[in-house]
Amino acid sequence: MGGWAGYTRAEAVSRVNDGANASIFYYAVTLAFPDLFQEGNLGGIVVGLPPKVTSNDIDDREDRDSSLHLEAFYRFQVTKNIGITPGVLVITNPEHNKDNDTIYVGTIRTTFSF
């Protein structure tokens, strides 16, 4: 089990909005399952919030809705040095906008370790 969280305090340095501040927050929780189904393989799950503007000095520039990042993967350890990892990502309310359709992404990664 693992995770991370972050907070960013941003300040505009342009002529129009000079000095305006924004607060941005994000987090993720991760779960790993070593040796799942077979020694050397790895399953994993990630659930988190992509960076979200929670306050902003500029009117109507805050993210009113919330996105959710969901991810699952499974690494097949083919040999000692080669792993193949299919996965799927789901992003709900992309750009923290409930009017945007959910995004689904399939992935496959090959890792060579030497």
C-alpha atoms as a PDB file:
ATOM      1  CA  MET A   1       0.000   0.000   0.000  1.00  0.00           C
ATOM      2  CA  GLY A   2       1.261   3.442  -0.819  1.00  0.00           C
ATOM      3  CA  GLY A   3       0.221   6.790  -2.102  1.00  0.00           C
ATOM      4  CA  TRP A   4       0.970  10.430  -2.415  1.00  0.00           C
ATOM      5  CA  ALA A   5      -0.697  13.782  -2.035  1.00  0.00           C
ATOM      6  CA  GLY A   6       0.271  17.240  -3.075  1.00  0.00           C
ATOM      7  CA  TYR A   7      -0.636  20.860  -2.729  1.00  0.00           C
ATOM      8  CA  THR A   8       0.497  23.697  -4.971  1.00  0.00           C
ATOM      9  CA  ARG A   9       0.078  27.387  -4.308  1.00  0.00           C
ATOM     10  CA  ALA A  10       0.383  29.154  -7.675  1.00  0.00           C
ATOM     11  CA  GLU A  11       0.783  32.885  -8.241  1.00  0.00           C
ATOM     12  CA  ALA A  12       0.103  34.682 -11.524  1.00  0.00           C
ATOM     13  CA  VAL A  13       2.902  36.935 -12.751  1.00  0.00           C
ATOM     14  CA  SER A  14       1.183  38.412 -15.791  1.00  0.00           C
ATOM     15  CA  ARG A  15       0.094  41.999 -16.283  1.00  0.00           C
ATOM     16  CA  VAL A  16      -3.596  41.136 -16.323  1.00  0.00           C
ATOM     17  CA  ASN A  17      -3.844  39.018 -13.165  1.00  0.00           C
ATOM     18  CA  ASP A  18      -0.536  39.812 -11.463  1.00  0.00           C
ATOM     19  CA  GLY A  19      -0.512  38.545  -7.884  1.00  0.00           C
ATOM     20  CA  ALA A  20      -3.618  36.362  -8.208  1.00  0.00           C
ATOM     21  CA  ASN A  21      -3.250  33.068  -6.325  1.00  0.00           C
ATOM     22  CA  ALA A  22      -4.666  29.594  -6.863  1.00  0.00           C
ATOM     23  CA  SER A  23      -4.587  26.459  -4.708  1.00  0.00           C
ATOM     24  CA  ILE A  24      -4.238  23.076  -6.412  1.00  0.00           C
ATOM     25  CA  PHE A  25      -4.671  19.722  -4.654  1.00  0.00           C
ATOM     26  CA  TYR A  26      -4.154  16.115  -5.786  1.00  0.00           C
ATOM     27  CA  TYR A  27      -3.724  12.639  -4.301  1.00  0.00           C
ATOM     28  CA  ALA A  28      -3.542   8.929  -5.076  1.00  0.00           C
ATOM     29  CA  VAL A  29      -3.713   5.674  -3.151  1.00  0.00           C
ATOM     30  CA  THR A  30      -1.895   2.644  -4.556  1.00  0.00           C
ATOM     31  CA  LEU A  31      -2.192  -1.054  -3.829  1.00  0.00           C
ATOM     32  CA  ALA A  32       0.316  -3.621  -5.078  1.00  0.00           C
ATOM     33  CA  PHE A  33      -0.081  -7.379  -5.034  1.00  0.00           C
ATOM     34  CA  PRO A  34       3.350  -9.012  -5.472  1.00  0.00           C
ATOM     35  CA  ASP A  35       3.496 -12.579  -6.777  1.00  0.00           C
ATOM     36  CA  LEU A  36      -0.197 -12.469  -7.694  1.00  0.00           C
ATOM     37  CA  PHE A  37      -1.152 -15.804  -9.311  1.00  0.00           C
ATOM     38  CA  GLN A  38       2.509 -16.589  -9.997  1.00  0.00           C
ATOM     39  CA  GLU A  39       5.884 -15.751  -8.471  1.00  0.00           C
ATOM     40  CA  GLY A  40       7.393 -12.632 -10.042  1.00  0.00           C
ATOM     41  CA  ASN A  41       4.089 -11.250 -11.339  1.00  0.00           C
ATOM     42  CA  LEU A  42       2.527  -8.088  -9.936  1.00  0.00           C
ATOM     43  CA  GLY A  43      -1.004  -6.729  -9.806  1.00  0.00           C
ATOM     44  CA  GLY A  44      -1.747  -3.131  -8.983  1.00  0.00           C
ATOM     45  CA  ILE A  45      -4.554  -0.653  -8.410  1.00  0.00           C
ATOM     46  CA  VAL A  46      -4.374   3.166  -8.293  1.00  0.00           C
ATOM     47  CA  VAL A  47      -7.213   5.471  -7.230  1.00  0.00           C
ATOM     48  CA  GLY A  48      -6.726   9.207  -7.112  1.00  0.00           C
ATOM     49  CA  LEU A  49      -7.713  12.775  -7.816  1.00  0.00           C
ATOM     50  CA  PRO A  50      -5.905  14.519 -10.699  1.00  0.00           C
ATOM     51  CA  PRO A  51      -4.680  18.062  -9.892  1.00  0.00           C
ATOM     52  CA  LYS A  52      -7.740  20.156  -9.034  1.00  0.00           C
ATOM     53  CA  VAL A  53      -7.968  23.933  -8.553  1.00  0.00           C
ATOM     54  CA  THR A  54      -9.724  24.237  -5.190  1.00  0.00           C
ATOM     55  CA  SER A  55      -9.499  28.025  -4.836  1.00  0.00           C
ATOM     56  CA  ASN A  56      -8.595  30.852  -7.173  1.00  0.00           C
ATOM     57  CA  ASP A  57      -8.482  34.630  -6.843  1.00  0.00           C
ATOM     58  CA  ILE A  58      -9.700  34.924 -10.443  1.00  0.00           C
ATOM     59  CA  ASP A  59     -13.499  34.584 -10.628  1.00  0.00           C
ATOM     60  CA  ASP A  60     -14.979  31.357 -12.028  1.00  0.00           C
ATOM     61  CA  ARG A  61     -11.584  29.648 -12.440  1.00  0.00           C
ATOM     62  CA  GLU A  62     -12.031  26.926  -9.794  1.00  0.00           C
ATOM     63  CA  ASP A  63     -12.814  23.314 -10.669  1.00  0.00           C
ATOM     64  CA  ARG A  64     -16.415  22.890  -9.544  1.00  0.00           C
ATOM     65  CA  ASP A  65     -16.627  19.125 -10.122  1.00  0.00           C
ATOM     66  CA  SER A  66     -14.165  16.328  -9.352  1.00  0.00           C
ATOM     67  CA  SER A  67     -12.417  13.855 -11.626  1.00  0.00           C
ATOM     68  CA  LEU A  68     -11.358  10.433 -10.453  1.00  0.00           C
ATOM     69  CA  HIS A  69      -8.384   8.498 -11.830  1.00  0.00           C
ATOM     70  CA  LEU A  70      -8.839   4.709 -11.620  1.00  0.00           C
ATOM     71  CA  GLU A  71      -6.133   2.365 -12.840  1.00  0.00           C
ATOM     72  CA  ALA A  72      -5.499  -1.374 -12.749  1.00  0.00           C
ATOM     73  CA  PHE A  73      -2.584  -3.345 -14.198  1.00  0.00           C
ATOM     74  CA  TYR A  74      -1.026  -6.792 -14.126  1.00  0.00           C
ATOM     75  CA  ARG A  75       2.636  -7.440 -14.897  1.00  0.00           C
ATOM     76  CA  PHE A  76       3.437 -10.844 -16.358  1.00  0.00           C
ATOM     77  CA  GLN A  77       7.098 -11.587 -15.668  1.00  0.00           C
ATOM     78  CA  VAL A  78       7.867 -13.464 -18.906  1.00  0.00           C
ATOM     79  CA  THR A  79      11.559 -13.988 -18.120  1.00  0.00           C
ATOM     80  CA  LYS A  80      13.936 -12.691 -15.454  1.00  0.00           C
ATOM     81  CA  ASN A  81      14.565  -9.628 -17.643  1.00  0.00           C
ATOM     82  CA  ILE A  82      11.287  -9.109 -19.547  1.00  0.00           C
ATOM     83  CA  GLY A  83       7.895  -8.103 -18.176  1.00  0.00           C
ATOM     84  CA  ILE A  84       4.680  -7.355 -20.063  1.00  0.00           C
ATOM     85  CA  THR A  85       2.110  -5.172 -18.315  1.00  0.00           C
ATOM     86  CA  PRO A  86      -1.395  -4.663 -19.707  1.00  0.00           C
ATOM     87  CA  GLY A  87      -3.554  -2.137 -17.916  1.00  0.00           C
ATOM     88  CA  VAL A  88      -6.628   0.010 -18.042  1.00  0.00           C
ATOM     89  CA  LEU A  89      -7.191   3.633 -16.971  1.00  0.00           C
ATOM     90  CA  VAL A  90     -10.547   5.267 -16.369  1.00  0.00           C
ATOM     91  CA  ILE A  91     -10.914   9.027 -15.862  1.00  0.00           C
ATOM     92  CA  THR A  92     -14.336  10.166 -14.691  1.00  0.00           C
ATOM     93  CA  ASN A  93     -15.426  13.772 -15.290  1.00  0.00           C
ATOM     94  CA  PRO A  94     -12.267  14.692 -17.257  1.00  0.00           C
ATOM     95  CA  GLU A  95     -10.945  18.201 -16.526  1.00  0.00           C
ATOM     96  CA  HIS A  96     -13.101  18.107 -13.357  1.00  0.00           C
ATOM     97  CA  ASN A  97     -16.158  18.736 -15.530  1.00  0.00           C
ATOM     98  CA  LYS A  98     -19.200  16.488 -15.044  1.00  0.00           C
ATOM     99  CA  ASP A  99     -20.372  17.355 -18.577  1.00  0.00           C
ATOM    100  CA  ASN A 100     -17.346  15.550 -20.092  1.00  0.00           C
ATOM    101  CA  ASP A 101     -17.684  11.862 -20.933  1.00  0.00           C
ATOM    102  CA  THR A 102     -15.635   9.307 -19.012  1.00  0.00           C
ATOM    103  CA  ILE A 103     -12.336   8.408 -20.705  1.00  0.00           C
ATOM    104  CA  TYR A 104     -11.196   4.777 -21.017  1.00  0.00           C
ATOM    105  CA  VAL A 105      -7.603   3.966 -21.983  1.00  0.00           C
ATOM    106  CA  GLY A 106      -6.053   0.547 -22.537  1.00  0.00           C
ATOM    107  CA  THR A 107      -2.298   0.214 -22.158  1.00  0.00           C
ATOM    108  CA  ILE A 108       0.395  -2.358 -22.712  1.00  0.00           C
ATOM    109  CA  ARG A 109       3.987  -1.900 -21.619  1.00  0.00           C
ATOM    110  CA  THR A 110       7.026  -4.090 -22.121  1.00  0.00           C
ATOM    111  CA  THR A 111       9.875  -3.664 -19.650  1.00  0.00           C
ATOM    112  CA  PHE A 112      13.424  -4.847 -20.294  1.00  0.00           C
ATOM    113  CA  SER A 113      15.555  -4.995 -17.122  1.00  0.00           C
ATOM    114  CA  PHE A 114      19.314  -5.525 -17.266  1.00  0.00           C
END
